[in-house]
Amino acid sequence: MKKKLKYILIVFAILNLLIIVSGKTWIYKAVSVTYLNGHTSSYIHDYIFFPSNKIQDGDHQKWLISSKYNKRDTTSMQLPQFIQELNDSLETTAFLVIKNDSILYEEYWHGYSEDSLSNSFSMSKSWVSTLIGIAIKDGKIHNENQKVCEFLPNFCGENEKDLSIKHLLTMSSGLDWDENYYNPIGQTAEAYYGTNLKDLVMNLKVIEPSGEVFKYHSSCTQLLAFVLEQATGKTISEYTSEKLWKPMGAKHPALWNTDVQGGDEKAFCCINSNARDFARLGKLYLNKGNWNGTQLIDTSFVDKATSSADLLDENGFKNTNYGYQFWIAERGGYQVFYARGLWGQYVICIPELDMIVVRLGRKFAECSDDGHHPDFYKFIDAALEMYN
């Protein structure tokens, strides 16, 4: 027994030495946040373990409530059986259906409510894209074809000088980034748990031609945030508050996690808010960038953001799934665009029906060959069955 303990201590000491020598000390944070709290990866309420900047709110604009609120018909308020089973297995925490700017249905589970904060994960990418559209409207950025180099001198090298904001928006940057959520010592994990996000991303190089192939990279969104900071002279939390959160009348302030206290927002993820306030982004886009009479983003940018970019996928086929940090799909004969985050965070927009479907939760189904998740389709099916 003593001999076994000795070996364990030696292995432990060697591992710690390797971590320290490699400089990957953020692994300690990752272990502390996950395994020591009973998890094996990130989760929707882990924001409490990270520093954050506040997205300030203003005057609350209440959602309209439909006369059919929480009623599938005149006698029932139950979700379809298939979605109840899916919600149980995937641990859904919020399900919200909005039609014609009015809430038709909402339900919460596992102690969550309409006021509960949870992590957006990559849904934040769609918010960052929106901020780019606003900065263009404000004249802070000329257009999406402007070069990243004009804002970030690190990206003026021979291979980097032609990298444009549009390449970042469409995930066609060609940067040397590996989007791997299961590598505990990879770039994505370091971006999430590490303490020097700017160094990690600013040292990237363009290793493949930009603007040709769609490769989903969180680094693209992070670079967009750094461009925004240079263009506006504000943090993205400040800019979000001024240009979106306050004008759209969010009910609560949100938290945007940072790498260190007072540091850089993790733009590729980690806006922490609630289902009703997340849904405001859907309303803005369904109304072509107009919020109750005020044009927050140009309609032309909305159209480009929610239309597929002219790119190939990694297998050489035409990619039709992605616009400017929004996913694009079709279901039930309807065109759909949506914001998507890890573990199944969705703000789904069905323009033809003027419908928004929000789902937040702890798990999702594995991605299908078409680039979308089977549960995503099921949440649309439930809303259509209930209210179409």
Protein backbone atom coordinates (compact mmCIF):
# COMPACT_ATOMS: atom_id res chain seq x y z
CA MET A 1 0.00 0.00 0.00
CA LYS A 2 2.81 2.41 0.89
CA LYS A 3 4.59 1.52 -2.35
CA LYS A 4 1.43 2.26 -4.37
CA LEU A 5 0.96 5.59 -2.59
CA LYS A 6 4.58 6.45 -3.33
CA TYR A 7 4.06 5.83 -7.06
CA ILE A 8 0.88 7.91 -7.04
CA LEU A 9 2.71 10.80 -5.40
CA ILE A 10 5.55 10.53 -7.92
CA VAL A 11 3.12 10.57 -10.87
CA PHE A 12 1.28 13.51 -9.31
CA ALA A 13 4.54 15.41 -8.85
CA ILE A 14 5.62 14.71 -12.45
CA LEU A 15 2.26 15.87 -13.82
CA ASN A 16 2.47 19.10 -11.83
CA LEU A 17 6.02 19.67 -13.01
CA LEU A 18 4.96 19.16 -16.65
CA ILE A 19 2.08 21.61 -16.22
CA ILE A 20 4.33 24.25 -14.70
CA VAL A 21 7.12 23.79 -17.26
CA SER A 22 4.65 23.90 -20.17
CA GLY A 23 3.08 27.09 -18.84
CA LYS A 24 -0.39 25.52 -18.99
CA THR A 25 -1.19 26.38 -15.37
CA TRP A 26 -4.76 27.23 -16.38
CA ILE A 27 -5.35 23.45 -16.22
CA TYR A 28 -5.62 23.86 -12.45
CA LYS A 29 -8.55 26.25 -12.99
CA ALA A 30 -10.17 23.81 -15.39
CA VAL A 31 -9.93 20.95 -12.90
CA SER A 32 -11.20 23.15 -10.08
CA VAL A 33 -14.23 24.38 -12.05
CA THR A 34 -15.16 21.02 -13.54
CA TYR A 35 -14.05 17.85 -11.75
CA LEU A 36 -14.01 19.33 -8.27
CA ASN A 37 -17.60 20.42 -8.81
CA GLY A 38 -18.83 17.11 -10.17
CA HIS A 39 -18.58 17.91 -13.90
CA THR A 40 -16.37 16.67 -16.72
CA SER A 41 -16.63 19.78 -18.90
CA SER A 42 -18.13 23.28 -19.00
CA TYR A 43 -21.72 23.75 -17.85
CA ILE A 44 -24.37 26.46 -18.01
CA HIS A 45 -23.88 27.84 -14.50
CA ASP A 46 -20.09 27.74 -14.30
CA TYR A 47 -19.98 31.52 -14.88
CA ILE A 48 -19.87 31.99 -11.10
CA PHE A 49 -16.25 30.78 -11.12
CA PHE A 50 -15.01 33.37 -13.62
CA PRO A 51 -14.59 37.14 -13.42
CA SER A 52 -16.95 39.15 -15.59
CA ASN A 53 -17.88 42.54 -16.97
CA LYS A 54 -21.46 43.70 -16.54
CA ILE A 55 -23.67 44.51 -19.51
CA GLN A 56 -25.74 47.27 -17.96
CA ASP A 57 -29.49 47.36 -18.49
CA GLY A 58 -31.76 50.39 -18.79
CA ASP A 59 -35.52 50.86 -18.82
CA HIS A 60 -37.19 47.47 -19.03
CA GLN A 61 -39.45 46.88 -22.03
CA LYS A 62 -41.80 44.04 -21.20
CA TRP A 63 -42.61 41.33 -23.69
CA LEU A 64 -46.20 41.22 -24.83
CA ILE A 65 -48.07 38.17 -23.53
CA SER A 66 -50.37 36.38 -25.96
CA SER A 67 -53.96 35.66 -25.07
CA LYS A 68 -53.02 32.05 -25.85
CA TYR A 69 -50.12 32.10 -23.35
CA ASN A 70 -49.12 28.56 -22.32
CA LYS A 71 -52.06 27.02 -24.19
CA ARG A 72 -51.70 24.61 -27.07
CA ASP A 73 -55.45 24.85 -27.54
CA THR A 74 -58.43 25.69 -25.36
CA THR A 75 -58.03 22.69 -23.08
CA SER A 76 -54.34 21.82 -22.80
CA MET A 77 -51.10 23.48 -21.71
CA GLN A 78 -48.88 20.43 -22.15
CA LEU A 79 -45.85 20.14 -24.41
CA PRO A 80 -45.97 17.36 -27.02
CA GLN A 81 -44.95 14.06 -25.50
CA PHE A 82 -41.86 13.68 -27.69
CA ILE A 83 -40.45 16.99 -26.50
CA GLN A 84 -41.20 16.23 -22.86
CA GLU A 85 -39.09 13.08 -23.18
CA LEU A 86 -36.32 15.02 -24.94
CA ASN A 87 -36.38 17.72 -22.28
CA ASP A 88 -35.98 15.07 -19.61
CA SER A 89 -33.07 13.30 -21.29
CA LEU A 90 -31.23 16.48 -22.29
CA GLU A 91 -32.07 18.37 -19.09
CA THR A 92 -33.72 21.37 -20.67
CA THR A 93 -33.89 24.35 -18.31
CA ALA A 94 -35.93 26.78 -20.44
CA PHE A 95 -38.28 26.53 -23.42
CA LEU A 96 -39.83 29.69 -24.81
CA VAL A 97 -41.98 30.30 -27.90
CA ILE A 98 -42.66 33.83 -29.15
CA LYS A 99 -44.88 34.67 -32.13
CA ASN A 100 -45.65 38.13 -33.51
CA ASP A 101 -43.58 39.65 -30.70
CA SER A 102 -45.79 38.02 -28.03
CA ILE A 103 -44.89 35.16 -25.68
CA LEU A 104 -47.04 32.14 -26.46
CA TYR A 105 -45.42 29.52 -24.26
CA GLU A 106 -42.67 29.26 -21.67
CA GLU A 107 -41.63 26.67 -19.13
CA TYR A 108 -38.63 26.23 -16.84
CA TRP A 109 -37.10 23.24 -15.10
CA HIS A 110 -34.36 22.29 -12.62
CA GLY A 111 -34.85 25.37 -10.48
CA TYR A 112 -34.48 27.86 -13.35
CA SER A 113 -36.92 30.68 -14.01
CA GLU A 114 -37.45 33.57 -16.44
CA ASP A 115 -34.92 35.56 -14.37
CA SER A 116 -32.19 32.91 -14.04
CA LEU A 117 -28.77 33.52 -15.55
CA SER A 118 -27.12 30.80 -17.62
CA ASN A 119 -24.24 30.67 -20.08
CA SER A 120 -24.95 31.46 -23.71
CA PHE A 121 -21.80 29.65 -24.84
CA SER A 122 -21.42 30.27 -28.59
CA MET A 123 -24.73 32.09 -28.95
CA SER A 124 -22.55 35.07 -28.00
CA LYS A 125 -20.99 34.83 -31.47
CA SER A 126 -24.24 36.07 -32.98
CA TRP A 127 -24.24 39.02 -30.57
CA VAL A 128 -20.67 39.90 -31.59
CA SER A 129 -21.65 39.75 -35.25
CA THR A 130 -24.50 42.13 -34.46
CA LEU A 131 -22.07 44.55 -32.81
CA ILE A 132 -19.99 44.52 -36.00
CA GLY A 133 -23.13 45.46 -37.94
CA ILE A 134 -23.81 48.30 -35.52
CA ALA A 135 -20.21 49.54 -35.73
CA ILE A 136 -20.56 49.63 -39.53
CA LYS A 137 -23.82 51.57 -39.21
CA ASP A 138 -22.08 53.95 -36.77
CA GLY A 139 -19.22 54.51 -39.22
CA LYS A 140 -16.66 53.03 -36.81
CA ILE A 141 -15.95 50.33 -39.41
CA HIS A 142 -16.22 51.11 -43.14
CA ASN A 143 -17.68 47.75 -44.10
CA GLU A 144 -17.10 44.06 -43.50
CA ASN A 145 -14.49 43.91 -46.26
CA GLN A 146 -12.15 46.15 -44.28
CA LYS A 147 -8.89 44.42 -43.34
CA VAL A 148 -8.27 43.23 -39.81
CA CYS A 149 -4.73 44.62 -40.17
CA GLU A 150 -6.13 48.16 -40.10
CA PHE A 151 -7.23 47.60 -36.51
CA LEU A 152 -4.79 44.95 -35.27
CA PRO A 153 -1.15 45.48 -36.35
CA ASN A 154 -0.30 41.89 -35.40
CA PHE A 155 -2.25 40.80 -38.45
CA CYS A 156 -0.22 42.68 -41.05
CA GLY A 157 2.12 39.82 -41.93
CA GLU A 158 2.44 38.46 -45.47
CA ASN A 159 -0.23 35.80 -44.93
CA GLU A 160 -2.37 37.90 -42.59
CA LYS A 161 -2.60 41.26 -44.39
CA ASP A 162 -5.54 40.21 -46.58
CA LEU A 163 -7.58 38.80 -43.68
CA SER A 164 -10.86 40.73 -43.60
CA ILE A 165 -13.63 41.22 -41.09
CA LYS A 166 -15.90 39.26 -43.45
CA HIS A 167 -13.52 36.29 -43.31
CA LEU A 168 -13.88 36.31 -39.52
CA LEU A 169 -17.67 36.73 -39.68
CA THR A 170 -18.03 33.75 -42.02
CA MET A 171 -15.51 31.51 -40.22
CA SER A 172 -13.25 31.34 -43.26
CA SER A 173 -10.13 32.90 -41.74
CA GLY A 174 -7.62 30.11 -42.40
CA LEU A 175 -6.14 30.67 -38.94
CA ASP A 176 -4.12 27.99 -37.15
CA TRP A 177 -6.79 27.13 -34.61
CA ASP A 178 -8.15 23.73 -33.59
CA GLU A 179 -11.77 23.94 -32.38
CA ASN A 180 -11.68 20.89 -30.13
CA TYR A 181 -13.92 20.81 -27.04
CA TYR A 182 -12.53 17.50 -25.81
CA ASN A 183 -8.80 18.26 -25.75
CA PRO A 184 -8.08 19.35 -22.15
CA ILE A 185 -4.84 21.07 -23.13
CA GLY A 186 -5.98 22.48 -26.49
CA GLN A 187 -6.53 26.06 -27.65
CA THR A 188 -10.28 26.05 -26.98
CA ALA A 189 -9.80 24.88 -23.40
CA GLU A 190 -7.06 27.45 -22.85
CA ALA A 191 -9.28 30.21 -24.22
CA TYR A 192 -12.06 29.17 -21.83
CA TYR A 193 -10.04 28.58 -18.65
CA GLY A 194 -6.86 30.57 -19.31
CA THR A 195 -5.85 34.02 -18.17
CA ASN A 196 -4.24 35.58 -21.26
CA LEU A 197 -6.77 35.45 -24.06
CA LYS A 198 -5.22 38.28 -26.03
CA ASP A 199 -1.79 36.64 -26.26
CA LEU A 200 -3.35 33.33 -27.23
CA VAL A 201 -5.32 34.78 -30.13
CA MET A 202 -3.04 37.59 -31.27
CA ASN A 203 -0.21 35.14 -31.92
CA LEU A 204 -2.26 33.11 -34.41
CA LYS A 205 -1.18 32.91 -38.05
CA VAL A 206 -3.09 32.47 -41.29
CA ILE A 207 -1.99 29.09 -42.62
CA GLU A 208 -4.66 28.51 -45.30
CA PRO A 209 -6.22 30.87 -47.88
CA SER A 210 -8.82 33.13 -46.28
CA GLY A 211 -12.33 33.44 -47.64
CA GLU A 212 -12.58 30.01 -49.26
CA VAL A 213 -13.33 27.25 -46.75
CA PHE A 214 -15.69 27.31 -43.77
CA LYS A 215 -13.97 26.13 -40.61
CA TYR A 216 -15.69 26.95 -37.34
CA HIS A 217 -13.14 28.78 -35.15
CA SER A 218 -13.85 30.52 -31.85
CA SER A 219 -10.72 32.54 -32.54
CA CYS A 220 -12.57 34.33 -35.37
CA THR A 221 -15.13 35.77 -32.97
CA GLN A 222 -12.48 36.71 -30.44
CA LEU A 223 -10.60 38.67 -33.09
CA LEU A 224 -13.84 40.43 -34.05
CA ALA A 225 -14.12 41.57 -30.43
CA PHE A 226 -10.59 42.99 -30.50
CA VAL A 227 -11.44 44.78 -33.76
CA LEU A 228 -14.55 46.25 -32.11
CA GLU A 229 -12.55 47.51 -29.15
CA GLN A 230 -10.10 49.27 -31.44
CA ALA A 231 -12.85 50.67 -33.65
CA THR A 232 -15.11 51.94 -30.86
CA GLY A 233 -12.71 52.64 -28.00
CA LYS A 234 -15.02 50.64 -25.72
CA THR A 235 -15.14 47.15 -24.29
CA ILE A 236 -17.65 44.90 -25.99
CA SER A 237 -19.66 44.81 -22.76
CA GLU A 238 -19.93 48.61 -22.80
CA TYR A 239 -20.80 48.64 -26.49
CA THR A 240 -23.41 45.89 -26.02
CA SER A 241 -25.01 47.80 -23.17
CA GLU A 242 -25.13 51.07 -25.10
CA LYS A 243 -26.20 49.71 -28.48
CA LEU A 244 -28.29 46.63 -27.65
CA TRP A 245 -29.07 45.82 -24.04
CA LYS A 246 -30.45 49.27 -23.14
CA PRO A 247 -32.19 50.08 -26.45
CA MET A 248 -33.86 46.65 -26.47
CA GLY A 249 -35.07 47.03 -22.88
CA ALA A 250 -33.49 43.93 -21.36
CA LYS A 251 -35.00 43.12 -17.99
CA HIS A 252 -31.73 42.33 -16.22
CA PRO A 253 -28.06 43.22 -16.57
CA ALA A 254 -26.00 40.41 -18.08
CA LEU A 255 -22.52 39.19 -17.23
CA TRP A 256 -19.86 38.66 -19.86
CA ASN A 257 -17.08 36.46 -18.48
CA THR A 258 -13.49 37.66 -18.85
CA ASP A 259 -10.13 35.92 -18.75
CA VAL A 260 -9.05 37.88 -15.64
CA GLN A 261 -10.61 40.56 -13.49
CA GLY A 262 -10.77 43.68 -15.65
CA GLY A 263 -9.43 41.69 -18.60
CA ASP A 264 -10.79 40.69 -21.99
CA GLU A 265 -14.29 39.35 -22.50
CA LYS A 266 -14.49 35.81 -23.80
CA ALA A 267 -16.32 36.97 -26.91
CA PHE A 268 -16.59 33.50 -28.42
CA CYS A 269 -18.81 32.45 -25.53
CA CYS A 270 -20.01 33.41 -22.11
CA ILE A 271 -22.73 36.03 -22.08
CA ASN A 272 -24.77 35.03 -19.06
CA SER A 273 -28.42 36.01 -19.22
CA ASN A 274 -31.93 34.56 -19.33
CA ALA A 275 -34.25 33.14 -22.00
CA ARG A 276 -36.42 36.24 -22.38
CA ASP A 277 -33.49 38.60 -22.78
CA PHE A 278 -31.64 36.25 -25.15
CA ALA A 279 -34.83 36.16 -27.26
CA ARG A 280 -34.54 39.91 -27.92
CA LEU A 281 -31.83 39.19 -30.47
CA GLY A 282 -34.32 37.05 -32.38
CA LYS A 283 -36.91 39.82 -32.38
CA LEU A 284 -34.33 42.32 -33.65
CA TYR A 285 -33.43 40.09 -36.61
CA LEU A 286 -36.99 39.09 -37.45
CA ASN A 287 -37.75 42.81 -37.65
CA LYS A 288 -34.78 43.39 -40.01
CA GLY A 289 -32.70 45.25 -37.42
CA ASN A 290 -35.52 47.51 -36.28
CA TRP A 291 -36.45 47.67 -32.61
CA ASN A 292 -39.85 49.24 -31.99
CA GLY A 293 -39.24 51.94 -34.58
CA THR A 294 -35.50 52.44 -34.10
CA GLN A 295 -33.13 50.96 -36.67
CA LEU A 296 -30.29 49.44 -34.63
CA ILE A 297 -28.62 47.58 -37.53
CA ASP A 298 -28.94 48.12 -41.26
CA THR A 299 -31.34 45.75 -42.98
CA SER A 300 -28.64 44.89 -45.52
CA PHE A 301 -26.38 43.57 -42.76
CA VAL A 302 -29.23 41.51 -41.27
CA ASP A 303 -29.86 39.94 -44.68
CA LYS A 304 -26.19 39.03 -45.14
CA ALA A 305 -25.84 37.77 -41.56
CA THR A 306 -28.74 35.35 -42.01
CA SER A 307 -27.91 34.14 -45.53
CA SER A 308 -25.38 31.42 -46.30
CA ALA A 309 -21.90 32.59 -47.23
CA ASP A 310 -20.48 31.48 -50.57
CA LEU A 311 -17.94 29.01 -49.18
CA LEU A 312 -16.91 25.39 -49.39
CA ASP A 313 -16.85 23.01 -46.45
CA GLU A 314 -13.76 21.04 -45.48
CA ASN A 315 -14.78 18.22 -47.84
CA GLY A 316 -14.97 20.52 -50.86
CA PHE A 317 -18.78 20.75 -51.00
CA LYS A 318 -20.76 23.99 -50.92
CA ASN A 319 -21.50 25.07 -47.36
CA THR A 320 -25.02 26.43 -46.82
CA ASN A 321 -25.16 26.29 -43.03
CA TYR A 322 -23.60 29.58 -41.97
CA GLY A 323 -23.83 33.33 -42.51
CA TYR A 324 -22.28 36.03 -40.33
CA GLN A 325 -22.02 34.05 -37.07
CA PHE A 326 -25.56 32.72 -37.48
CA TRP A 327 -26.47 29.15 -38.40
CA ILE A 328 -28.92 28.53 -41.25
CA ALA A 329 -31.24 25.57 -41.77
CA GLU A 330 -34.59 24.42 -43.16
CA ARG A 331 -37.35 22.57 -41.30
CA GLY A 332 -40.93 21.76 -42.15
CA GLY A 333 -40.70 23.76 -45.35
CA TYR A 334 -39.56 26.88 -43.50
CA GLN A 335 -36.24 28.68 -43.73
CA VAL A 336 -34.63 29.07 -40.32
CA PHE A 337 -31.67 30.97 -38.90
CA TYR A 338 -30.43 30.67 -35.35
CA ALA A 339 -27.84 31.41 -32.71
CA ARG A 340 -26.32 28.25 -31.24
CA GLY A 341 -24.29 27.49 -28.15
CA LEU A 342 -22.61 24.44 -26.67
CA TRP A 343 -24.89 21.99 -24.84
CA GLY A 344 -27.93 23.12 -26.80
CA GLN A 345 -28.46 26.83 -26.23
CA TYR A 346 -30.64 28.07 -29.09
CA VAL A 347 -32.38 31.24 -30.26
CA ILE A 348 -34.21 29.99 -33.35
CA CYS A 349 -35.93 32.35 -35.81
CA ILE A 350 -38.58 31.29 -38.34
CA PRO A 351 -39.19 34.45 -40.39
CA GLU A 352 -42.21 33.21 -42.37
CA LEU A 353 -44.09 32.57 -39.10
CA ASP A 354 -42.59 35.54 -37.20
CA MET A 355 -41.65 32.95 -34.56
CA ILE A 356 -38.78 32.70 -32.08
CA VAL A 357 -37.98 29.48 -30.21
CA VAL A 358 -35.53 29.65 -27.30
CA ARG A 359 -34.16 26.56 -25.64
CA LEU A 360 -31.57 26.53 -22.86
CA GLY A 361 -30.26 23.42 -21.19
CA ARG A 362 -27.48 21.20 -19.92
CA LYS A 363 -27.06 18.70 -22.77
CA PHE A 364 -27.53 18.31 -26.51
CA ALA A 365 -27.53 15.51 -29.03
CA GLU A 366 -24.39 14.88 -31.06
CA CYS A 367 -24.13 16.86 -34.29
CA SER A 368 -25.51 15.24 -37.45
CA ASP A 369 -23.78 15.03 -40.83
CA ASP A 370 -25.68 18.14 -41.99
CA GLY A 371 -23.96 20.26 -39.35
CA HIS A 372 -27.03 20.66 -37.15
CA HIS A 373 -28.10 18.85 -33.99
CA PRO A 374 -31.14 16.52 -34.00
CA ASP A 375 -32.52 18.14 -30.83
CA PHE A 376 -32.52 21.53 -32.59
CA TYR A 377 -34.96 20.16 -35.16
CA LYS A 378 -37.14 18.65 -32.44
CA PHE A 379 -37.51 21.95 -30.61
CA ILE A 380 -38.73 23.49 -33.88
CA ASP A 381 -41.10 20.56 -34.40
CA ALA A 382 -42.58 21.08 -30.93
CA ALA A 383 -43.23 24.77 -31.53
CA LEU A 384 -44.78 24.08 -34.93
CA GLU A 385 -47.02 21.35 -33.56
CA MET A 386 -48.19 23.57 -30.73
CA TYR A 387 -48.81 26.82 -32.57
CA ASN A 388 -48.74 26.48 -36.36
